[in-house]
């Protein structure tokens, strides 16, 4: 495991930390490989009931592709240059988006390019008041990757997404909240504590139900009402058969706080 990405699991919460603050957490090859591997591990580990994606330092969440490394690979004519989308970005975006558990992103600074994409792949984004977002891709003559052409239109609508992708600009925290990119804005010095509190709350919640909620929303975006209703029936049957549902109903009747098992 590269030390450019830190990974820790505690009490059902997997914390993934991008750890290149001196490079604004830019994604070089080692970082992309490590991030791919830990996001997959968190998604597949039944002991993990929620994921917190964050970054070291106070300047940047992630500025996307490490362009210093990228330009060197371009000069070498390396075939690795654009294969990174298939080999790294796609698996990372899918692991975060399709994980059968909630993913929280704590955005501490600039989130640009793939950094913006990975933040959008989370289910809930807590954003420092000093943070900002930028699609960046068109600014370096590239198209969208890291899943952002799928996530951004769903979060803010296709018209606004086209505007931000065709005309990249800095979106500060307050505008990000107004657009729906940020779910919550907090002072920068309380970001980590707030994000951990939210993520741990989710990690102690009804994991099967959370997974079903994620799956049903993703399904509903690309299917008819009739198909979505059938999917809801399927997923509700699954959630209703979970131990957590029984625990929740019993706790409700007894006027107690439920203690979920995540199964």
C-alpha atoms as a PDB file:
ATOM      1  CA  UNK A   1       0.000   0.000   0.000  1.00  0.00           C
ATOM      2  CA  UNK A   2       1.409   3.381  -1.033  1.00  0.00           C
ATOM      3  CA  UNK A   3       1.576   5.952   1.762  1.00  0.00           C
ATOM      4  CA  UNK A   4      -0.111   8.416  -0.618  1.00  0.00           C
ATOM      5  CA  UNK A   5      -3.426   6.842   0.435  1.00  0.00           C
ATOM      6  CA  UNK A   6      -4.172   5.918   4.049  1.00  0.00           C
ATOM      7  CA  UNK A   7      -6.782   3.311   4.977  1.00  0.00           C
ATOM      8  CA  UNK A   8      -8.235   2.534   8.393  1.00  0.00           C
ATOM      9  CA  UNK A   9     -11.278   0.559   9.545  1.00  0.00           C
ATOM     10  CA  UNK A  10     -12.733   1.234  12.984  1.00  0.00           C
ATOM     11  CA  UNK A  11     -16.154   0.264  14.361  1.00  0.00           C
ATOM     12  CA  UNK A  12     -17.591  -0.368  10.924  1.00  0.00           C
ATOM     13  CA  UNK A  13     -16.244   2.840   9.383  1.00  0.00           C
ATOM     14  CA  UNK A  14     -13.570   2.738   6.676  1.00  0.00           C
ATOM     15  CA  UNK A  15     -11.658   6.002   6.424  1.00  0.00           C
ATOM     16  CA  UNK A  16      -9.802   6.613   3.166  1.00  0.00           C
ATOM     17  CA  UNK A  17      -7.422   9.582   3.207  1.00  0.00           C
ATOM     18  CA  UNK A  18      -5.652  10.976   0.152  1.00  0.00           C
ATOM     19  CA  UNK A  19      -2.223  11.789   1.517  1.00  0.00           C
ATOM     20  CA  UNK A  20      -0.232  13.960  -0.897  1.00  0.00           C
ATOM     21  CA  UNK A  21      -0.877  17.384   0.643  1.00  0.00           C
ATOM     22  CA  UNK A  22       2.381  18.750  -0.773  1.00  0.00           C
ATOM     23  CA  UNK A  23       0.986  18.062  -4.276  1.00  0.00           C
ATOM     24  CA  UNK A  24      -2.580  19.140  -3.437  1.00  0.00           C
ATOM     25  CA  UNK A  25      -3.446  15.428  -3.387  1.00  0.00           C
ATOM     26  CA  UNK A  26      -2.945  15.136  -7.145  1.00  0.00           C
ATOM     27  CA  UNK A  27      -3.411  11.674  -8.585  1.00  0.00           C
ATOM     28  CA  UNK A  28      -0.144  10.144  -9.709  1.00  0.00           C
ATOM     29  CA  UNK A  29      -0.044   6.486 -10.743  1.00  0.00           C
ATOM     30  CA  UNK A  30       0.869   5.177  -7.280  1.00  0.00           C
ATOM     31  CA  UNK A  31      -1.982   7.115  -5.707  1.00  0.00           C
ATOM     32  CA  UNK A  32      -4.515   5.943  -8.284  1.00  0.00           C
ATOM     33  CA  UNK A  33      -3.537   2.309  -7.815  1.00  0.00           C
ATOM     34  CA  UNK A  34      -3.760   2.589  -4.030  1.00  0.00           C
ATOM     35  CA  UNK A  35      -7.081   4.464  -4.162  1.00  0.00           C
ATOM     36  CA  UNK A  36      -8.534   1.875  -6.533  1.00  0.00           C
ATOM     37  CA  UNK A  37      -7.488  -0.961  -4.251  1.00  0.00           C
ATOM     38  CA  UNK A  38      -8.794   0.552  -1.002  1.00  0.00           C
ATOM     39  CA  UNK A  39     -12.119   1.689  -2.442  1.00  0.00           C
ATOM     40  CA  UNK A  40     -12.690  -1.829  -3.729  1.00  0.00           C
ATOM     41  CA  UNK A  41     -11.662  -3.285  -0.376  1.00  0.00           C
ATOM     42  CA  UNK A  42     -14.061  -1.001   1.497  1.00  0.00           C
ATOM     43  CA  UNK A  43     -16.923  -1.772  -0.889  1.00  0.00           C
ATOM     44  CA  UNK A  44     -16.440  -5.545  -0.608  1.00  0.00           C
ATOM     45  CA  UNK A  45     -15.736  -5.830   3.137  1.00  0.00           C
ATOM     46  CA  UNK A  46     -18.903  -6.792   5.048  1.00  0.00           C
ATOM     47  CA  UNK A  47     -17.330  -5.448   8.228  1.00  0.00           C
ATOM     48  CA  UNK A  48     -17.349  -1.978   6.672  1.00  0.00           C
ATOM     49  CA  UNK A  49     -20.776  -0.352   7.028  1.00  0.00           C
ATOM     50  CA  UNK A  50     -19.881   3.154   5.858  1.00  0.00           C
ATOM     51  CA  UNK A  51     -16.971   4.883   4.106  1.00  0.00           C
ATOM     52  CA  UNK A  52     -15.437   8.289   4.758  1.00  0.00           C
ATOM     53  CA  UNK A  53     -13.377   9.715   1.880  1.00  0.00           C
ATOM     54  CA  UNK A  54     -11.208  12.642   2.882  1.00  0.00           C
ATOM     55  CA  UNK A  55      -7.798  14.210   2.266  1.00  0.00           C
ATOM     56  CA  UNK A  56      -4.785  15.476   4.151  1.00  0.00           C
ATOM     57  CA  UNK A  57      -3.928  19.161   4.370  1.00  0.00           C
ATOM     58  CA  UNK A  58      -6.110  22.227   4.157  1.00  0.00           C
ATOM     59  CA  UNK A  59      -5.514  23.363   0.553  1.00  0.00           C
ATOM     60  CA  UNK A  60      -7.027  20.610  -1.539  1.00  0.00           C
ATOM     61  CA  UNK A  61      -9.281  17.587  -1.452  1.00  0.00           C
ATOM     62  CA  UNK A  62      -7.847  16.469  -4.795  1.00  0.00           C
ATOM     63  CA  UNK A  63      -6.903  18.488  -7.885  1.00  0.00           C
ATOM     64  CA  UNK A  64      -7.290  15.476 -10.181  1.00  0.00           C
ATOM     65  CA  UNK A  65      -4.635  14.073 -12.457  1.00  0.00           C
ATOM     66  CA  UNK A  66      -1.025  14.835 -11.526  1.00  0.00           C
ATOM     67  CA  UNK A  67      -0.201  16.873 -14.636  1.00  0.00           C
ATOM     68  CA  UNK A  68       3.539  16.966 -13.874  1.00  0.00           C
ATOM     69  CA  UNK A  69       3.671  13.193 -14.077  1.00  0.00           C
ATOM     70  CA  UNK A  70       1.188  13.204 -16.963  1.00  0.00           C
ATOM     71  CA  UNK A  71       3.252  15.494 -19.189  1.00  0.00           C
ATOM     72  CA  UNK A  72       6.308  13.308 -18.625  1.00  0.00           C
ATOM     73  CA  UNK A  73       4.364  10.228 -19.697  1.00  0.00           C
ATOM     74  CA  UNK A  74       3.081  12.097 -22.753  1.00  0.00           C
ATOM     75  CA  UNK A  75       6.649  12.997 -23.701  1.00  0.00           C
ATOM     76  CA  UNK A  76       7.684   9.356 -23.379  1.00  0.00           C
ATOM     77  CA  UNK A  77       4.785   8.272 -25.567  1.00  0.00           C
ATOM     78  CA  UNK A  78       3.683   5.952 -22.815  1.00  0.00           C
ATOM     79  CA  UNK A  79       0.550   3.937 -23.516  1.00  0.00           C
ATOM     80  CA  UNK A  80      -0.243   4.273 -19.831  1.00  0.00           C
ATOM     81  CA  UNK A  81      -1.333   7.899 -20.273  1.00  0.00           C
ATOM     82  CA  UNK A  82      -4.969   7.443 -21.252  1.00  0.00           C
ATOM     83  CA  UNK A  83      -5.390   3.853 -20.075  1.00  0.00           C
ATOM     84  CA  UNK A  84      -5.612   5.336 -16.592  1.00  0.00           C
ATOM     85  CA  UNK A  85      -9.326   5.996 -17.137  1.00  0.00           C
ATOM     86  CA  UNK A  86     -10.078   2.305 -17.646  1.00  0.00           C
ATOM     87  CA  UNK A  87      -7.498   0.985 -15.188  1.00  0.00           C
ATOM     88  CA  UNK A  88      -7.963   3.444 -12.328  1.00  0.00           C
ATOM     89  CA  UNK A  89     -10.689   6.076 -12.575  1.00  0.00           C
ATOM     90  CA  UNK A  90     -13.502   3.771 -13.678  1.00  0.00           C
ATOM     91  CA  UNK A  91     -12.968   1.180 -10.934  1.00  0.00           C
ATOM     92  CA  UNK A  92     -12.682   3.915  -8.279  1.00  0.00           C
ATOM     93  CA  UNK A  93     -15.876   5.653  -9.412  1.00  0.00           C
ATOM     94  CA  UNK A  94     -17.770   2.359  -9.518  1.00  0.00           C
ATOM     95  CA  UNK A  95     -16.509   1.209  -6.133  1.00  0.00           C
ATOM     96  CA  UNK A  96     -17.682   4.426  -4.482  1.00  0.00           C
ATOM     97  CA  UNK A  97     -20.965   4.734  -6.363  1.00  0.00           C
ATOM     98  CA  UNK A  98     -21.989   1.076  -6.239  1.00  0.00           C
ATOM     99  CA  UNK A  99     -20.753   0.236  -2.742  1.00  0.00           C
ATOM    100  CA  UNK A 100     -23.629  -1.394  -0.811  1.00  0.00           C
ATOM    101  CA  UNK A 101     -23.085   1.071   1.999  1.00  0.00           C
ATOM    102  CA  UNK A 102     -23.143   4.872   2.335  1.00  0.00           C
ATOM    103  CA  UNK A 103     -20.092   6.903   1.320  1.00  0.00           C
ATOM    104  CA  UNK A 104     -19.402  10.329   2.828  1.00  0.00           C
ATOM    105  CA  UNK A 105     -16.922  12.752   1.257  1.00  0.00           C
ATOM    106  CA  UNK A 106     -15.305  15.383   3.465  1.00  0.00           C
ATOM    107  CA  UNK A 107     -14.141  18.046   1.006  1.00  0.00           C
ATOM    108  CA  UNK A 108     -11.486  20.145   2.710  1.00  0.00           C
ATOM    109  CA  UNK A 109     -10.259  22.294  -0.201  1.00  0.00           C
ATOM    110  CA  UNK A 110     -10.074  22.358  -3.973  1.00  0.00           C
ATOM    111  CA  UNK A 111     -11.797  19.439  -5.707  1.00  0.00           C
ATOM    112  CA  UNK A 112     -11.019  19.552  -9.421  1.00  0.00           C
ATOM    113  CA  UNK A 113     -11.228  17.149 -12.339  1.00  0.00           C
ATOM    114  CA  UNK A 114     -11.247  13.580 -11.085  1.00  0.00           C
ATOM    115  CA  UNK A 115     -11.162  14.933  -7.534  1.00  0.00           C
ATOM    116  CA  UNK A 116     -14.523  16.558  -8.208  1.00  0.00           C
ATOM    117  CA  UNK A 117     -15.690  13.320  -9.827  1.00  0.00           C
ATOM    118  CA  UNK A 118     -14.777  11.194  -6.816  1.00  0.00           C
ATOM    119  CA  UNK A 119     -16.478  13.639  -4.437  1.00  0.00           C
ATOM    120  CA  UNK A 120     -19.624  13.376  -6.569  1.00  0.00           C
ATOM    121  CA  UNK A 121     -19.410   9.582  -6.434  1.00  0.00           C
ATOM    122  CA  UNK A 122     -20.055   9.810  -2.689  1.00  0.00           C
ATOM    123  CA  UNK A 123     -23.608   9.727  -1.387  1.00  0.00           C
ATOM    124  CA  UNK A 124     -23.204  12.681   0.966  1.00  0.00           C
ATOM    125  CA  UNK A 125     -20.772  15.587   0.721  1.00  0.00           C
ATOM    126  CA  UNK A 126     -19.727  17.666   3.703  1.00  0.00           C
ATOM    127  CA  UNK A 127     -17.777  20.685   2.486  1.00  0.00           C
ATOM    128  CA  UNK A 128     -15.488  23.122   4.264  1.00  0.00           C
ATOM    129  CA  UNK A 129     -16.460  26.770   3.841  1.00  0.00           C
ATOM    130  CA  UNK A 130     -13.053  27.296   2.213  1.00  0.00           C
ATOM    131  CA  UNK A 131     -13.491  24.495  -0.348  1.00  0.00           C
ATOM    132  CA  UNK A 132     -14.217  24.856  -4.062  1.00  0.00           C
ATOM    133  CA  UNK A 133     -14.981  22.745  -7.122  1.00  0.00           C
ATOM    134  CA  UNK A 134     -13.956  22.874 -10.775  1.00  0.00           C
ATOM    135  CA  UNK A 135     -14.614  20.373 -13.571  1.00  0.00           C
ATOM    136  CA  UNK A 136     -11.298  21.391 -15.227  1.00  0.00           C
ATOM    137  CA  UNK A 137     -11.418  18.814 -18.063  1.00  0.00           C
ATOM    138  CA  UNK A 138     -12.124  21.135 -21.008  1.00  0.00           C
ATOM    139  CA  UNK A 139      -9.432  23.470 -19.700  1.00  0.00           C
ATOM    140  CA  UNK A 140      -6.803  20.877 -20.589  1.00  0.00           C
ATOM    141  CA  UNK A 141      -8.585  19.736 -23.779  1.00  0.00           C
ATOM    142  CA  UNK A 142     -10.030  16.578 -22.265  1.00  0.00           C
ATOM    143  CA  UNK A 143     -13.514  15.172 -21.811  1.00  0.00           C
ATOM    144  CA  UNK A 144     -15.156  14.182 -18.554  1.00  0.00           C
ATOM    145  CA  UNK A 145     -14.038  11.075 -16.689  1.00  0.00           C
ATOM    146  CA  UNK A 146     -14.201   9.644 -13.150  1.00  0.00           C
ATOM    147  CA  UNK A 147     -17.944   9.195 -13.637  1.00  0.00           C
ATOM    148  CA  UNK A 148     -18.669  12.915 -13.627  1.00  0.00           C
ATOM    149  CA  UNK A 149     -20.674  12.803 -16.870  1.00  0.00           C
ATOM    150  CA  UNK A 150     -23.036  10.416 -15.025  1.00  0.00           C
ATOM    151  CA  UNK A 151     -23.061  11.970 -11.550  1.00  0.00           C
ATOM    152  CA  UNK A 152     -23.006  15.712 -12.253  1.00  0.00           C
ATOM    153  CA  UNK A 153     -26.191  15.854 -14.406  1.00  0.00           C
ATOM    154  CA  UNK A 154     -27.976  13.770 -11.777  1.00  0.00           C
ATOM    155  CA  UNK A 155     -26.915  16.110  -8.982  1.00  0.00           C
ATOM    156  CA  UNK A 156     -27.487  19.509 -10.636  1.00  0.00           C
ATOM    157  CA  UNK A 157     -29.386  18.758 -13.859  1.00  0.00           C
ATOM    158  CA  UNK A 158     -28.114  18.370 -17.438  1.00  0.00           C
ATOM    159  CA  UNK A 159     -28.207  22.055 -18.371  1.00  0.00           C
ATOM    160  CA  UNK A 160     -26.112  23.223 -15.454  1.00  0.00           C
ATOM    161  CA  UNK A 161     -23.799  20.234 -15.861  1.00  0.00           C
ATOM    162  CA  UNK A 162     -23.174  21.157 -19.496  1.00  0.00           C
ATOM    163  CA  UNK A 163     -22.384  24.717 -18.444  1.00  0.00           C
ATOM    164  CA  UNK A 164     -19.809  23.620 -15.860  1.00  0.00           C
ATOM    165  CA  UNK A 165     -18.223  21.042 -18.165  1.00  0.00           C
ATOM    166  CA  UNK A 166     -18.028  23.266 -21.258  1.00  0.00           C
ATOM    167  CA  UNK A 167     -16.970  26.388 -19.348  1.00  0.00           C
ATOM    168  CA  UNK A 168     -14.913  25.263 -16.343  1.00  0.00           C
ATOM    169  CA  UNK A 169     -14.847  27.754 -13.477  1.00  0.00           C
ATOM    170  CA  UNK A 170     -14.357  27.765  -9.737  1.00  0.00           C
ATOM    171  CA  UNK A 171     -17.481  26.993  -7.740  1.00  0.00           C
ATOM    172  CA  UNK A 172     -17.108  28.152  -4.154  1.00  0.00           C
ATOM    173  CA  UNK A 173     -18.701  26.367  -1.214  1.00  0.00           C
ATOM    174  CA  UNK A 174     -21.873  28.450  -0.967  1.00  0.00           C
ATOM    175  CA  UNK A 175     -22.663  28.099  -4.664  1.00  0.00           C
ATOM    176  CA  UNK A 176     -21.903  24.380  -4.433  1.00  0.00           C
ATOM    177  CA  UNK A 177     -24.512  24.130  -1.683  1.00  0.00           C
ATOM    178  CA  UNK A 178     -27.055  26.097  -3.699  1.00  0.00           C
ATOM    179  CA  UNK A 179     -26.473  23.826  -6.720  1.00  0.00           C
ATOM    180  CA  UNK A 180     -26.836  20.674  -4.608  1.00  0.00           C
ATOM    181  CA  UNK A 181     -23.194  19.609  -4.914  1.00  0.00           C
ATOM    182  CA  UNK A 182     -22.624  20.138  -1.181  1.00  0.00           C
ATOM    183  CA  UNK A 183     -25.076  18.610   1.289  1.00  0.00           C
ATOM    184  CA  UNK A 184     -23.647  20.535   4.222  1.00  0.00           C
ATOM    185  CA  UNK A 185     -21.162  23.406   4.645  1.00  0.00           C
ATOM    186  CA  UNK A 186     -19.172  23.651   7.866  1.00  0.00           C
ATOM    187  CA  UNK A 187     -16.252  25.777   9.085  1.00  0.00           C
ATOM    188  CA  UNK A 188     -12.977  24.334   7.847  1.00  0.00           C
ATOM    189  CA  UNK A 189     -11.686  23.675  11.362  1.00  0.00           C
ATOM    190  CA  UNK A 190     -14.693  21.487  12.211  1.00  0.00           C
ATOM    191  CA  UNK A 191     -14.897  19.585   8.905  1.00  0.00           C
ATOM    192  CA  UNK A 192     -13.178  16.382  10.016  1.00  0.00           C
ATOM    193  CA  UNK A 193     -15.101  16.110  13.285  1.00  0.00           C
ATOM    194  CA  UNK A 194     -18.442  16.756  11.591  1.00  0.00           C
ATOM    195  CA  UNK A 195     -17.746  14.332   8.759  1.00  0.00           C
ATOM    196  CA  UNK A 196     -16.668  11.606  11.175  1.00  0.00           C
ATOM    197  CA  UNK A 197     -19.798  12.137  13.253  1.00  0.00           C
ATOM    198  CA  UNK A 198     -22.045  11.782  10.183  1.00  0.00           C
ATOM    199  CA  UNK A 199     -20.104   8.803   8.828  1.00  0.00           C
ATOM    200  CA  UNK A 200     -20.156   6.991  12.171  1.00  0.00           C
ATOM    201  CA  UNK A 201     -23.889   7.596  12.471  1.00  0.00           C
ATOM    202  CA  UNK A 202     -24.326   5.922   9.080  1.00  0.00           C
ATOM    203  CA  UNK A 203     -21.953   3.112  10.048  1.00  0.00           C
ATOM    204  CA  UNK A 204     -24.200   2.299  13.002  1.00  0.00           C
ATOM    205  CA  UNK A 205     -27.371   2.411  10.894  1.00  0.00           C
ATOM    206  CA  UNK A 206     -29.411  -0.130   8.895  1.00  0.00           C
ATOM    207  CA  UNK A 207     -26.832  -1.060   6.269  1.00  0.00           C
ATOM    208  CA  UNK A 208     -29.111  -3.287   4.188  1.00  0.00           C
ATOM    209  CA  UNK A 209     -31.665  -0.472   3.914  1.00  0.00           C
ATOM    210  CA  UNK A 210     -28.974   2.057   2.966  1.00  0.00           C
ATOM    211  CA  UNK A 211     -27.704  -0.259   0.236  1.00  0.00           C
ATOM    212  CA  UNK A 212     -31.239  -0.656  -1.101  1.00  0.00           C
ATOM    213  CA  UNK A 213     -31.782   3.111  -1.111  1.00  0.00           C
ATOM    214  CA  UNK A 214     -28.607   3.617  -3.155  1.00  0.00           C
ATOM    215  CA  UNK A 215     -29.553   0.866  -5.588  1.00  0.00           C
ATOM    216  CA  UNK A 216     -33.135   2.056  -6.054  1.00  0.00           C
ATOM    217  CA  UNK A 217     -32.117   5.655  -6.758  1.00  0.00           C
ATOM    218  CA  UNK A 218     -29.501   4.617  -9.308  1.00  0.00           C
ATOM    219  CA  UNK A 219     -31.991   2.294 -10.968  1.00  0.00           C
ATOM    220  CA  UNK A 220     -34.778   4.860 -11.061  1.00  0.00           C
ATOM    221  CA  UNK A 221     -32.731   7.375 -13.050  1.00  0.00           C
ATOM    222  CA  UNK A 222     -32.610   5.127 -16.101  1.00  0.00           C
ATOM    223  CA  UNK A 223     -35.828   3.108 -15.900  1.00  0.00           C
ATOM    224  CA  UNK A 224     -39.549   3.723 -16.251  1.00  0.00           C
ATOM    225  CA  UNK A 225     -41.897   4.234 -13.319  1.00  0.00           C
ATOM    226  CA  UNK A 226     -43.317   0.733 -13.753  1.00  0.00           C
ATOM    227  CA  UNK A 227     -39.841  -0.816 -13.772  1.00  0.00           C
ATOM    228  CA  UNK A 228     -38.777   1.264 -10.785  1.00  0.00           C
ATOM    229  CA  UNK A 229     -41.850   0.218  -8.813  1.00  0.00           C
ATOM    230  CA  UNK A 230     -40.947  -3.410  -9.460  1.00  0.00           C
ATOM    231  CA  UNK A 231     -37.383  -2.721  -8.299  1.00  0.00           C
ATOM    232  CA  UNK A 232     -38.700  -1.026  -5.148  1.00  0.00           C
ATOM    233  CA  UNK A 233     -40.798  -4.116  -4.421  1.00  0.00           C
ATOM    234  CA  UNK A 234     -37.744  -6.341  -4.844  1.00  0.00           C
ATOM    235  CA  UNK A 235     -35.556  -4.171  -2.640  1.00  0.00           C
ATOM    236  CA  UNK A 236     -38.230  -3.647   0.009  1.00  0.00           C
ATOM    237  CA  UNK A 237     -38.635  -7.402   0.274  1.00  0.00           C
ATOM    238  CA  UNK A 238     -34.890  -7.656   0.852  1.00  0.00           C
ATOM    239  CA  UNK A 239     -34.853  -4.878   3.456  1.00  0.00           C
ATOM    240  CA  UNK A 240     -37.921  -6.280   5.178  1.00  0.00           C
ATOM    241  CA  UNK A 241     -36.192  -9.635   5.598  1.00  0.00           C
ATOM    242  CA  UNK A 242     -33.168  -8.069   7.294  1.00  0.00           C
ATOM    243  CA  UNK A 243     -32.458  -8.445  10.991  1.00  0.00           C
ATOM    244  CA  UNK A 244     -32.224  -4.679  11.214  1.00  0.00           C
ATOM    245  CA  UNK A 245     -35.856  -4.267  10.156  1.00  0.00           C
ATOM    246  CA  UNK A 246     -37.008  -6.540  12.967  1.00  0.00           C
ATOM    247  CA  UNK A 247     -34.753  -4.676  15.397  1.00  0.00           C
ATOM    248  CA  UNK A 248     -36.138  -1.322  14.250  1.00  0.00           C
ATOM    249  CA  UNK A 249     -39.786  -2.345  14.557  1.00  0.00           C
ATOM    250  CA  UNK A 250     -39.242  -3.902  17.978  1.00  0.00           C
ATOM    251  CA  UNK A 251     -37.412  -0.783  19.168  1.00  0.00           C
ATOM    252  CA  UNK A 252     -40.187   1.455  17.841  1.00  0.00           C
ATOM    253  CA  UNK A 253     -42.896  -0.519  19.647  1.00  0.00           C
ATOM    254  CA  UNK A 254     -40.869  -0.539  22.870  1.00  0.00           C
ATOM    255  CA  UNK A 255     -39.949   3.154  22.502  1.00  0.00           C
ATOM    256  CA  UNK A 256     -36.240   2.330  22.507  1.00  0.00           C
ATOM    257  CA  UNK A 257     -33.299   3.342  20.350  1.00  0.00           C
ATOM    258  CA  UNK A 258     -32.503   0.587  17.822  1.00  0.00           C
ATOM    259  CA  UNK A 259     -29.062  -1.006  17.887  1.00  0.00           C
ATOM    260  CA  UNK A 260     -28.537  -2.141  14.329  1.00  0.00           C
ATOM    261  CA  UNK A 261     -26.340  -5.063  13.330  1.00  0.00           C
ATOM    262  CA  UNK A 262     -25.911  -4.080   9.676  1.00  0.00           C
ATOM    263  CA  UNK A 263     -27.535  -7.250   8.361  1.00  0.00           C
END
